[in-house]
Amino acid sequence: MLLRPEIIHRKAAQLKRRCPSGRMEQLAESLGIHLHDVDGLDRLLGMYTCRHKERHILLNARMEEAVRRMVCAHEIGHDTLHRHLAGGSGLQEFVLFDMRNETEYEANALAAHLLVEDDELIDLMKQGYDVVQLAAMTGTNVNLLLIKLNEYNRMGWQLDLPYLPRADFLKDLAPEGQ
């Protein structure tokens, strides 16, 4: 069963207060998570693991900066919401970036709240921009923005969303030529 949307939103707000700059790498470090850029991950975007009480995020060294920021936020979502699942082989994102999986949806929802400011988004929505325009103006992927809007609906809003995000949208963002 999915976590209540208010819980995910509240946890994201707490994390944002901890790191007002909005830099996901800085947030991860402030949480005590070790970041590693790794070559040779093929199409694996990233993964989170916790071993011997040390938390690690491994990021594909060949990702574009915008994708890196989104993947890092997603992995912080796993640290915040699913640390207990991260033993053993970790949570490997190429396999699990499927929002039909509850943990992946929740990590994406937390990432969406981390990356898109509520006040800015609400102001832009009041101005009548569509979802594609909102994504461009907030500097995020349209599917991640749709997750945030879907979370608003789960909190009782009644937004008319034009479509649901593709379940596997993040795997399409893997670096080319690997």
N, C-alpha and C. Protein backbone atom coordinates (compact mmCIF):
# COMPACT_ATOMS: atom_id res chain seq x y z
N MET A 1 0.85 -1.18 0.00
CA MET A 1 0.00 0.00 0.00
C MET A 1 0.89 1.24 0.00
N LEU A 2 0.55 2.19 -0.84
CA LEU A 2 1.32 3.43 -0.94
C LEU A 2 1.26 4.22 0.36
N LEU A 3 2.37 4.88 0.66
CA LEU A 3 2.37 5.82 1.78
C LEU A 3 1.37 6.93 1.50
N ARG A 4 0.80 7.46 2.55
CA ARG A 4 -0.11 8.59 2.38
C ARG A 4 0.65 9.76 1.75
N PRO A 5 0.04 10.47 0.82
CA PRO A 5 0.74 11.55 0.12
C PRO A 5 1.20 12.66 1.06
N GLU A 6 0.47 12.89 2.13
CA GLU A 6 0.86 13.93 3.08
C GLU A 6 2.19 13.59 3.75
N ILE A 7 2.43 12.31 3.97
CA ILE A 7 3.69 11.88 4.59
C ILE A 7 4.85 12.15 3.65
N ILE A 8 4.70 11.79 2.39
CA ILE A 8 5.76 12.01 1.40
C ILE A 8 6.03 13.51 1.26
N HIS A 9 4.97 14.30 1.16
CA HIS A 9 5.11 15.75 1.00
C HIS A 9 5.80 16.36 2.21
N ARG A 10 5.41 15.95 3.42
CA ARG A 10 6.01 16.47 4.64
C ARG A 10 7.50 16.11 4.74
N LYS A 11 7.84 14.88 4.39
CA LYS A 11 9.25 14.47 4.43
C LYS A 11 10.08 15.28 3.44
N ALA A 12 9.52 15.53 2.26
CA ALA A 12 10.24 16.36 1.27
C ALA A 12 10.44 17.77 1.80
N ALA A 13 9.42 18.33 2.44
CA ALA A 13 9.54 19.69 3.00
C ALA A 13 10.63 19.73 4.08
N GLN A 14 10.72 18.70 4.90
CA GLN A 14 11.76 18.63 5.92
C GLN A 14 13.14 18.60 5.28
N LEU A 15 13.29 17.83 4.23
CA LEU A 15 14.57 17.74 3.53
C LEU A 15 14.94 19.08 2.89
N LYS A 16 13.97 19.77 2.33
CA LYS A 16 14.23 21.07 1.70
C LYS A 16 14.68 22.11 2.73
N ARG A 17 14.13 22.04 3.92
CA ARG A 17 14.58 22.96 4.98
C ARG A 17 16.01 22.66 5.38
N ARG A 18 16.39 21.42 5.30
CA ARG A 18 17.75 21.01 5.67
C ARG A 18 18.78 21.52 4.66
N CYS A 19 18.34 21.68 3.40
CA CYS A 19 19.26 22.12 2.34
C CYS A 19 18.55 23.12 1.44
N PRO A 20 18.47 24.39 1.87
CA PRO A 20 17.72 25.40 1.12
C PRO A 20 18.25 25.66 -0.28
N SER A 21 19.51 25.29 -0.57
CA SER A 21 20.08 25.56 -1.90
C SER A 21 19.38 24.76 -2.99
N GLY A 22 18.75 23.65 -2.64
CA GLY A 22 18.11 22.81 -3.64
C GLY A 22 19.07 21.92 -4.41
N ARG A 23 20.35 21.95 -4.05
CA ARG A 23 21.35 21.09 -4.71
C ARG A 23 21.26 19.69 -4.12
N MET A 24 20.90 18.71 -4.95
CA MET A 24 20.67 17.37 -4.46
C MET A 24 21.95 16.71 -3.93
N GLU A 25 23.09 16.99 -4.55
CA GLU A 25 24.35 16.43 -4.06
C GLU A 25 24.65 16.95 -2.65
N GLN A 26 24.41 18.23 -2.46
CA GLN A 26 24.64 18.85 -1.15
C GLN A 26 23.68 18.27 -0.12
N LEU A 27 22.43 18.05 -0.50
CA LEU A 27 21.46 17.45 0.40
C LEU A 27 21.90 16.05 0.79
N ALA A 28 22.30 15.25 -0.19
CA ALA A 28 22.74 13.88 0.10
C ALA A 28 23.90 13.89 1.09
N GLU A 29 24.86 14.76 0.86
CA GLU A 29 26.01 14.83 1.76
C GLU A 29 25.59 15.28 3.16
N SER A 30 24.65 16.22 3.25
CA SER A 30 24.21 16.68 4.57
C SER A 30 23.47 15.58 5.32
N LEU A 31 22.92 14.62 4.58
CA LEU A 31 22.23 13.48 5.19
C LEU A 31 23.19 12.36 5.56
N GLY A 32 24.47 12.52 5.18
CA GLY A 32 25.45 11.48 5.47
C GLY A 32 25.50 10.38 4.43
N ILE A 33 24.99 10.66 3.24
CA ILE A 33 25.00 9.68 2.16
C ILE A 33 26.25 9.94 1.31
N HIS A 34 26.98 8.89 1.04
CA HIS A 34 28.17 8.99 0.19
C HIS A 34 27.74 8.92 -1.27
N LEU A 35 28.20 9.89 -2.07
CA LEU A 35 27.90 9.92 -3.51
C LEU A 35 29.09 9.40 -4.30
N HIS A 36 28.80 8.61 -5.33
CA HIS A 36 29.85 8.05 -6.18
C HIS A 36 29.42 8.18 -7.64
N ASP A 37 30.28 8.79 -8.44
CA ASP A 37 30.08 8.78 -9.89
C ASP A 37 30.78 7.54 -10.41
N VAL A 38 30.06 6.73 -11.16
CA VAL A 38 30.60 5.44 -11.59
C VAL A 38 30.53 5.34 -13.11
N ASP A 39 31.66 5.03 -13.72
CA ASP A 39 31.71 4.72 -15.15
C ASP A 39 31.31 3.26 -15.34
N GLY A 40 30.83 2.94 -16.51
CA GLY A 40 30.56 1.54 -16.85
C GLY A 40 29.27 0.99 -16.28
N LEU A 41 28.32 1.84 -15.95
CA LEU A 41 27.03 1.34 -15.45
C LEU A 41 26.08 1.00 -16.58
N ASP A 42 26.57 1.07 -17.81
CA ASP A 42 25.72 0.83 -18.98
C ASP A 42 24.52 1.75 -18.92
N ARG A 43 23.31 1.19 -18.96
CA ARG A 43 22.11 2.03 -18.95
C ARG A 43 21.52 2.19 -17.55
N LEU A 44 22.21 1.69 -16.55
CA LEU A 44 21.77 1.88 -15.17
C LEU A 44 22.01 3.34 -14.80
N LEU A 45 20.96 4.02 -14.38
CA LEU A 45 21.08 5.44 -14.04
C LEU A 45 21.71 5.64 -12.68
N GLY A 46 21.31 4.84 -11.74
CA GLY A 46 21.82 4.99 -10.40
C GLY A 46 21.27 3.92 -9.50
N MET A 47 21.79 3.90 -8.30
CA MET A 47 21.24 2.98 -7.32
C MET A 47 21.57 3.49 -5.92
N TYR A 48 20.77 3.05 -4.99
CA TYR A 48 20.97 3.37 -3.58
C TYR A 48 21.22 2.07 -2.84
N THR A 49 22.15 2.10 -1.92
CA THR A 49 22.39 0.93 -1.09
C THR A 49 22.84 1.38 0.29
N CYS A 50 22.61 0.52 1.24
CA CYS A 50 23.02 0.77 2.61
C CYS A 50 23.71 -0.49 3.09
N ARG A 51 25.01 -0.36 3.35
CA ARG A 51 25.79 -1.52 3.80
C ARG A 51 26.65 -1.11 4.99
N HIS A 52 26.65 -1.97 5.98
CA HIS A 52 27.44 -1.73 7.18
C HIS A 52 27.15 -0.34 7.76
N LYS A 53 25.89 0.02 7.74
CA LYS A 53 25.40 1.31 8.27
C LYS A 53 25.92 2.52 7.49
N GLU A 54 26.50 2.29 6.33
CA GLU A 54 26.91 3.39 5.45
C GLU A 54 25.95 3.43 4.27
N ARG A 55 25.47 4.63 3.97
CA ARG A 55 24.52 4.81 2.88
C ARG A 55 25.26 5.37 1.67
N HIS A 56 24.94 4.82 0.50
CA HIS A 56 25.64 5.20 -0.73
C HIS A 56 24.65 5.39 -1.87
N ILE A 57 24.91 6.42 -2.67
CA ILE A 57 24.22 6.60 -3.94
C ILE A 57 25.27 6.50 -5.02
N LEU A 58 25.06 5.59 -5.95
CA LEU A 58 25.92 5.45 -7.11
C LEU A 58 25.20 6.07 -8.30
N LEU A 59 25.87 6.97 -8.99
CA LEU A 59 25.27 7.66 -10.13
C LEU A 59 26.09 7.38 -11.38
N ASN A 60 25.40 7.15 -12.47
CA ASN A 60 26.06 6.96 -13.75
C ASN A 60 26.81 8.24 -14.09
N ALA A 61 28.10 8.13 -14.30
CA ALA A 61 28.94 9.31 -14.54
C ALA A 61 28.65 9.98 -15.87
N ARG A 62 27.89 9.33 -16.75
CA ARG A 62 27.66 9.88 -18.08
C ARG A 62 26.30 10.55 -18.25
N MET A 63 25.58 10.78 -17.16
CA MET A 63 24.26 11.42 -17.26
C MET A 63 24.41 12.92 -17.44
N GLU A 64 23.44 13.51 -18.14
CA GLU A 64 23.36 14.96 -18.23
C GLU A 64 22.99 15.50 -16.84
N GLU A 65 23.32 16.75 -16.59
CA GLU A 65 23.13 17.34 -15.26
C GLU A 65 21.68 17.30 -14.80
N ALA A 66 20.73 17.60 -15.67
CA ALA A 66 19.32 17.60 -15.26
C ALA A 66 18.86 16.20 -14.87
N VAL A 67 19.31 15.20 -15.59
CA VAL A 67 18.95 13.82 -15.27
C VAL A 67 19.63 13.41 -13.97
N ARG A 68 20.88 13.80 -13.82
CA ARG A 68 21.63 13.49 -12.59
C ARG A 68 20.90 14.04 -11.37
N ARG A 69 20.44 15.26 -11.46
CA ARG A 69 19.72 15.89 -10.35
C ARG A 69 18.45 15.10 -10.01
N MET A 70 17.72 14.68 -11.04
CA MET A 70 16.49 13.94 -10.84
C MET A 70 16.77 12.56 -10.23
N VAL A 71 17.79 11.87 -10.75
CA VAL A 71 18.13 10.55 -10.24
C VAL A 71 18.63 10.65 -8.79
N CYS A 72 19.43 11.65 -8.51
CA CYS A 72 19.92 11.85 -7.14
C CYS A 72 18.74 12.10 -6.19
N ALA A 73 17.79 12.92 -6.59
CA ALA A 73 16.61 13.18 -5.76
C ALA A 73 15.81 11.90 -5.56
N HIS A 74 15.69 11.10 -6.61
CA HIS A 74 14.98 9.82 -6.52
C HIS A 74 15.67 8.90 -5.50
N GLU A 75 17.00 8.83 -5.56
CA GLU A 75 17.75 7.98 -4.63
C GLU A 75 17.64 8.50 -3.20
N ILE A 76 17.60 9.81 -3.03
CA ILE A 76 17.36 10.37 -1.70
C ILE A 76 15.98 9.95 -1.22
N GLY A 77 15.04 9.85 -2.15
CA GLY A 77 13.71 9.33 -1.81
C GLY A 77 13.78 7.92 -1.25
N HIS A 78 14.60 7.08 -1.88
CA HIS A 78 14.76 5.72 -1.34
C HIS A 78 15.40 5.75 0.04
N ASP A 79 16.41 6.60 0.23
CA ASP A 79 17.05 6.69 1.54
C ASP A 79 16.04 7.12 2.59
N THR A 80 15.21 8.08 2.27
CA THR A 80 14.25 8.63 3.22
C THR A 80 13.11 7.66 3.51
N LEU A 81 12.63 6.99 2.47
CA LEU A 81 11.41 6.19 2.61
C LEU A 81 11.64 4.69 2.69
N HIS A 82 12.77 4.21 2.15
CA HIS A 82 12.93 2.76 1.97
C HIS A 82 14.28 2.23 2.42
N ARG A 83 14.92 2.90 3.31
CA ARG A 83 16.27 2.47 3.73
C ARG A 83 16.28 1.01 4.16
N HIS A 84 15.21 0.57 4.80
CA HIS A 84 15.14 -0.80 5.29
C HIS A 84 15.16 -1.84 4.17
N LEU A 85 14.88 -1.43 2.95
CA LEU A 85 14.89 -2.36 1.80
C LEU A 85 16.23 -2.40 1.08
N ALA A 86 17.18 -1.58 1.48
CA ALA A 86 18.39 -1.36 0.68
C ALA A 86 19.57 -2.24 1.06
N GLY A 87 19.37 -3.25 1.84
CA GLY A 87 20.47 -4.16 2.13
C GLY A 87 20.73 -5.07 0.94
N GLY A 88 21.72 -5.93 1.06
CA GLY A 88 22.00 -6.88 -0.01
C GLY A 88 22.50 -6.20 -1.26
N SER A 89 21.82 -6.38 -2.36
CA SER A 89 22.30 -5.85 -3.64
C SER A 89 21.85 -4.43 -3.91
N GLY A 90 21.13 -3.81 -3.01
CA GLY A 90 20.69 -2.43 -3.22
C GLY A 90 19.45 -2.38 -4.09
N LEU A 91 18.99 -1.18 -4.35
CA LEU A 91 17.83 -0.96 -5.21
C LEU A 91 18.35 -0.51 -6.57
N GLN A 92 18.34 -1.38 -7.54
CA GLN A 92 18.91 -1.07 -8.84
C GLN A 92 17.87 -0.41 -9.73
N GLU A 93 18.16 0.82 -10.15
CA GLU A 93 17.15 1.66 -10.76
C GLU A 93 16.73 1.29 -12.17
N PHE A 94 17.59 0.72 -12.97
CA PHE A 94 17.15 0.38 -14.32
C PHE A 94 16.03 -0.64 -14.25
N VAL A 95 16.12 -1.53 -13.31
CA VAL A 95 15.12 -2.57 -13.15
C VAL A 95 13.87 -2.02 -12.48
N LEU A 96 14.06 -1.13 -11.51
CA LEU A 96 12.94 -0.73 -10.67
C LEU A 96 12.34 0.64 -10.98
N PHE A 97 12.81 1.33 -12.02
CA PHE A 97 12.20 2.61 -12.36
C PHE A 97 10.85 2.35 -13.03
N ASP A 98 10.03 1.63 -12.37
CA ASP A 98 8.72 1.24 -12.90
C ASP A 98 7.71 1.63 -11.84
N MET A 99 6.88 2.61 -12.14
CA MET A 99 6.02 3.15 -11.10
C MET A 99 4.86 2.24 -10.74
N ARG A 100 4.76 1.09 -11.40
CA ARG A 100 3.80 0.12 -10.92
C ARG A 100 4.32 -0.51 -9.64
N ASN A 101 5.61 -0.32 -9.37
CA ASN A 101 6.25 -0.76 -8.13
C ASN A 101 6.07 0.38 -7.12
N GLU A 102 5.48 0.10 -5.97
CA GLU A 102 5.15 1.16 -5.01
C GLU A 102 6.38 1.93 -4.53
N THR A 103 7.49 1.23 -4.27
CA THR A 103 8.67 1.94 -3.77
C THR A 103 9.20 2.91 -4.81
N GLU A 104 9.13 2.54 -6.08
CA GLU A 104 9.61 3.44 -7.13
C GLU A 104 8.70 4.65 -7.27
N TYR A 105 7.39 4.42 -7.21
CA TYR A 105 6.47 5.56 -7.29
C TYR A 105 6.71 6.51 -6.12
N GLU A 106 6.86 5.97 -4.92
CA GLU A 106 7.06 6.82 -3.74
C GLU A 106 8.37 7.61 -3.84
N ALA A 107 9.44 6.96 -4.31
CA ALA A 107 10.71 7.67 -4.48
C ALA A 107 10.57 8.77 -5.52
N ASN A 108 9.83 8.51 -6.59
CA ASN A 108 9.59 9.53 -7.61
C ASN A 108 8.74 10.67 -7.05
N ALA A 109 7.76 10.34 -6.22
CA ALA A 109 6.91 11.38 -5.64
C ALA A 109 7.73 12.29 -4.72
N LEU A 110 8.59 11.70 -3.91
CA LEU A 110 9.43 12.52 -3.04
C LEU A 110 10.37 13.38 -3.88
N ALA A 111 10.95 12.79 -4.93
CA ALA A 111 11.84 13.56 -5.82
C ALA A 111 11.08 14.72 -6.46
N ALA A 112 9.86 14.48 -6.89
CA ALA A 112 9.06 15.55 -7.51
C ALA A 112 8.84 16.70 -6.54
N HIS A 113 8.57 16.37 -5.28
CA HIS A 113 8.38 17.43 -4.28
C HIS A 113 9.69 18.14 -3.97
N LEU A 114 10.81 17.42 -4.01
CA LEU A 114 12.10 18.07 -3.77
C LEU A 114 12.47 19.03 -4.89
N LEU A 115 12.16 18.65 -6.13
CA LEU A 115 12.65 19.38 -7.29
C LEU A 115 11.73 20.50 -7.78
N VAL A 116 10.45 20.43 -7.45
CA VAL A 116 9.50 21.43 -7.93
C VAL A 116 8.89 22.14 -6.73
N GLU A 117 9.12 23.44 -6.65
CA GLU A 117 8.61 24.24 -5.54
C GLU A 117 7.09 24.38 -5.63
N ASP A 118 6.42 24.13 -4.53
CA ASP A 118 4.96 24.22 -4.49
C ASP A 118 4.47 25.61 -4.89
N ASP A 119 5.01 26.65 -4.26
CA ASP A 119 4.51 28.01 -4.51
C ASP A 119 4.69 28.41 -5.97
N GLU A 120 5.84 28.10 -6.53
CA GLU A 120 6.10 28.44 -7.94
C GLU A 120 5.13 27.69 -8.84
N LEU A 121 4.96 26.39 -8.60
CA LEU A 121 4.07 25.59 -9.44
C LEU A 121 2.63 26.08 -9.34
N ILE A 122 2.16 26.34 -8.15
CA ILE A 122 0.78 26.78 -7.97
C ILE A 122 0.56 28.12 -8.66
N ASP A 123 1.52 29.03 -8.54
CA ASP A 123 1.42 30.33 -9.21
C ASP A 123 1.33 30.15 -10.73
N LEU A 124 2.17 29.29 -11.27
CA LEU A 124 2.15 29.05 -12.72
C LEU A 124 0.85 28.38 -13.15
N MET A 125 0.34 27.47 -12.32
CA MET A 125 -0.93 26.80 -12.65
C MET A 125 -2.06 27.83 -12.70
N LYS A 126 -2.04 28.77 -11.78
CA LYS A 126 -3.09 29.81 -11.77
C LYS A 126 -3.05 30.66 -13.02
N GLN A 127 -1.87 30.74 -13.65
CA GLN A 127 -1.73 31.53 -14.87
C GLN A 127 -2.20 30.75 -16.10
N GLY A 128 -2.57 29.48 -15.92
CA GLY A 128 -3.18 28.72 -17.00
C GLY A 128 -2.24 27.94 -17.90
N TYR A 129 -1.00 27.76 -17.50
CA TYR A 129 -0.07 26.99 -18.33
C TYR A 129 -0.45 25.52 -18.33
N ASP A 130 -0.17 24.85 -19.46
CA ASP A 130 -0.45 23.42 -19.52
C ASP A 130 0.72 22.63 -18.91
N VAL A 131 0.56 21.32 -18.83
CA VAL A 131 1.54 20.47 -18.14
C VAL A 131 2.92 20.54 -18.80
N VAL A 132 2.96 20.54 -20.10
CA VAL A 132 4.25 20.60 -20.80
C VAL A 132 4.94 21.93 -20.52
N GLN A 133 4.17 23.02 -20.56
CA GLN A 133 4.73 24.33 -20.25
C GLN A 133 5.19 24.40 -18.79
N LEU A 134 4.38 23.85 -17.89
CA LEU A 134 4.74 23.85 -16.47
C LEU A 134 6.06 23.11 -16.24
N ALA A 135 6.21 21.97 -16.91
CA ALA A 135 7.45 21.19 -16.76
C ALA A 135 8.64 22.00 -17.25
N ALA A 136 8.50 22.63 -18.39
CA ALA A 136 9.61 23.43 -18.93
C ALA A 136 9.93 24.61 -18.01
N MET A 137 8.91 25.26 -17.50
CA MET A 137 9.12 26.44 -16.67
C MET A 137 9.69 26.11 -15.29
N THR A 138 9.42 24.89 -14.81
CA THR A 138 9.96 24.48 -13.52
C THR A 138 11.24 23.66 -13.68
N GLY A 139 11.66 23.45 -14.91
CA GLY A 139 12.92 22.77 -15.17
C GLY A 139 12.92 21.30 -14.81
N THR A 140 11.79 20.64 -15.01
CA THR A 140 11.72 19.22 -14.70
C THR A 140 11.12 18.42 -15.84
N ASN A 141 11.22 17.14 -15.74
CA ASN A 141 10.65 16.22 -16.72
C ASN A 141 9.13 16.24 -16.58
N VAL A 142 8.43 16.21 -17.69
CA VAL A 142 6.97 16.29 -17.66
C VAL A 142 6.36 15.13 -16.87
N ASN A 143 6.96 13.95 -16.94
CA ASN A 143 6.42 12.82 -16.19
C ASN A 143 6.58 13.01 -14.68
N LEU A 144 7.70 13.57 -14.27
CA LEU A 144 7.91 13.83 -12.84
C LEU A 144 6.93 14.91 -12.36
N LEU A 145 6.69 15.91 -13.20
CA LEU A 145 5.71 16.93 -12.84
C LEU A 145 4.32 16.32 -12.70
N LEU A 146 3.98 15.41 -13.60
CA LEU A 146 2.68 14.74 -13.50
C LEU A 146 2.55 13.93 -12.21
N ILE A 147 3.66 13.36 -11.76
CA ILE A 147 3.63 12.65 -10.48
C ILE A 147 3.31 13.62 -9.35
N LYS A 148 3.95 14.79 -9.37
CA LYS A 148 3.67 15.79 -8.34
C LYS A 148 2.20 16.20 -8.38
N LEU A 149 1.68 16.44 -9.57
CA LEU A 149 0.27 16.83 -9.70
C LEU A 149 -0.65 15.69 -9.26
N ASN A 150 -0.28 14.46 -9.56
CA ASN A 150 -1.05 13.32 -9.11
C ASN A 150 -1.04 13.24 -7.58
N GLU A 151 0.10 13.56 -6.99
CA GLU A 151 0.18 13.58 -5.52
C GLU A 151 -0.74 14.66 -4.95
N TYR A 152 -0.83 15.81 -5.61
CA TYR A 152 -1.78 16.83 -5.17
C TYR A 152 -3.20 16.24 -5.18
N ASN A 153 -3.53 15.52 -6.25
CA ASN A 153 -4.86 14.91 -6.31
C ASN A 153 -5.06 13.89 -5.18
N ARG A 154 -4.02 13.13 -4.89
CA ARG A 154 -4.12 12.16 -3.77
C ARG A 154 -4.31 12.88 -2.44
N MET A 155 -3.90 14.17 -2.36
CA MET A 155 -4.09 14.95 -1.14
C MET A 155 -5.44 15.69 -1.14
N GLY A 156 -6.27 15.41 -2.13
CA GLY A 156 -7.61 15.98 -2.13
C GLY A 156 -7.87 17.05 -3.17
N TRP A 157 -6.85 17.45 -3.91
CA TRP A 157 -7.07 18.41 -4.98
C TRP A 157 -7.89 17.72 -6.07
N GLN A 158 -8.42 18.51 -6.97
CA GLN A 158 -9.20 17.94 -8.07
C GLN A 158 -8.68 18.50 -9.38
N LEU A 159 -7.42 18.20 -9.67
CA LEU A 159 -6.81 18.65 -10.92
C LEU A 159 -7.20 17.69 -12.04
N ASP A 160 -7.49 18.26 -13.18
CA ASP A 160 -7.81 17.45 -14.36
C ASP A 160 -6.50 17.20 -15.12
N LEU A 161 -5.89 16.06 -14.87
CA LEU A 161 -4.61 15.76 -15.50
C LEU A 161 -4.83 15.18 -16.90
N PRO A 162 -4.08 15.67 -17.88
CA PRO A 162 -4.29 15.25 -19.26
C PRO A 162 -3.92 13.80 -19.51
N TYR A 163 -2.98 13.27 -18.75
CA TYR A 163 -2.56 11.88 -18.88
C TYR A 163 -1.70 11.53 -17.68
N LEU A 164 -1.47 10.25 -17.50
CA LEU A 164 -0.62 9.78 -16.42
C LEU A 164 0.80 9.64 -16.95
N PRO A 165 1.79 9.76 -16.08
CA PRO A 165 3.17 9.60 -16.55
C PRO A 165 3.42 8.17 -17.00
N ARG A 166 4.30 8.01 -17.97
CA ARG A 166 4.70 6.67 -18.40
C ARG A 166 5.38 5.97 -17.24
N ALA A 167 5.06 4.73 -17.04
CA ALA A 167 5.58 3.99 -15.90
C ALA A 167 7.10 3.84 -15.94
N ASP A 168 7.68 3.83 -17.11
CA ASP A 168 9.12 3.57 -17.22
C ASP A 168 9.88 4.76 -17.80
N PHE A 169 9.40 5.97 -17.56
CA PHE A 169 9.98 7.14 -18.22
C PHE A 169 11.44 7.37 -17.89
N LEU A 170 11.89 7.04 -16.71
CA LEU A 170 13.26 7.34 -16.33
C LEU A 170 14.29 6.48 -17.06
N LYS A 171 13.92 5.26 -17.41
CA LYS A 171 14.91 4.43 -18.10
C LYS A 171 15.22 4.99 -19.49
N ASP A 172 14.32 5.77 -20.05
CA ASP A 172 14.57 6.39 -21.35
C ASP A 172 15.58 7.54 -21.26
N LEU A 173 15.93 7.94 -20.06
CA LEU A 173 16.86 9.04 -19.86
C LEU A 173 18.30 8.57 -19.69
N ALA A 174 18.52 7.27 -19.80
CA ALA A 174 19.88 6.72 -19.66
C ALA A 174 20.78 7.28 -20.75
N PRO A 175 22.06 7.45 -20.44
CA PRO A 175 23.01 7.99 -21.43
C PRO A 175 23.07 7.12 -22.67
N GLU A 176 23.27 7.77 -23.80
CA GLU A 176 23.39 7.07 -25.08
C GLU A 176 24.77 6.45 -25.22
N GLY A 177 24.85 5.46 -26.09
CA GLY A 177 26.14 4.91 -26.49
C GLY A 177 26.81 4.05 -25.45
N GLN A 178 26.01 3.46 -24.58
CA GLN A 178 26.63 2.57 -23.59
C GLN A 178 26.22 1.15 -23.84
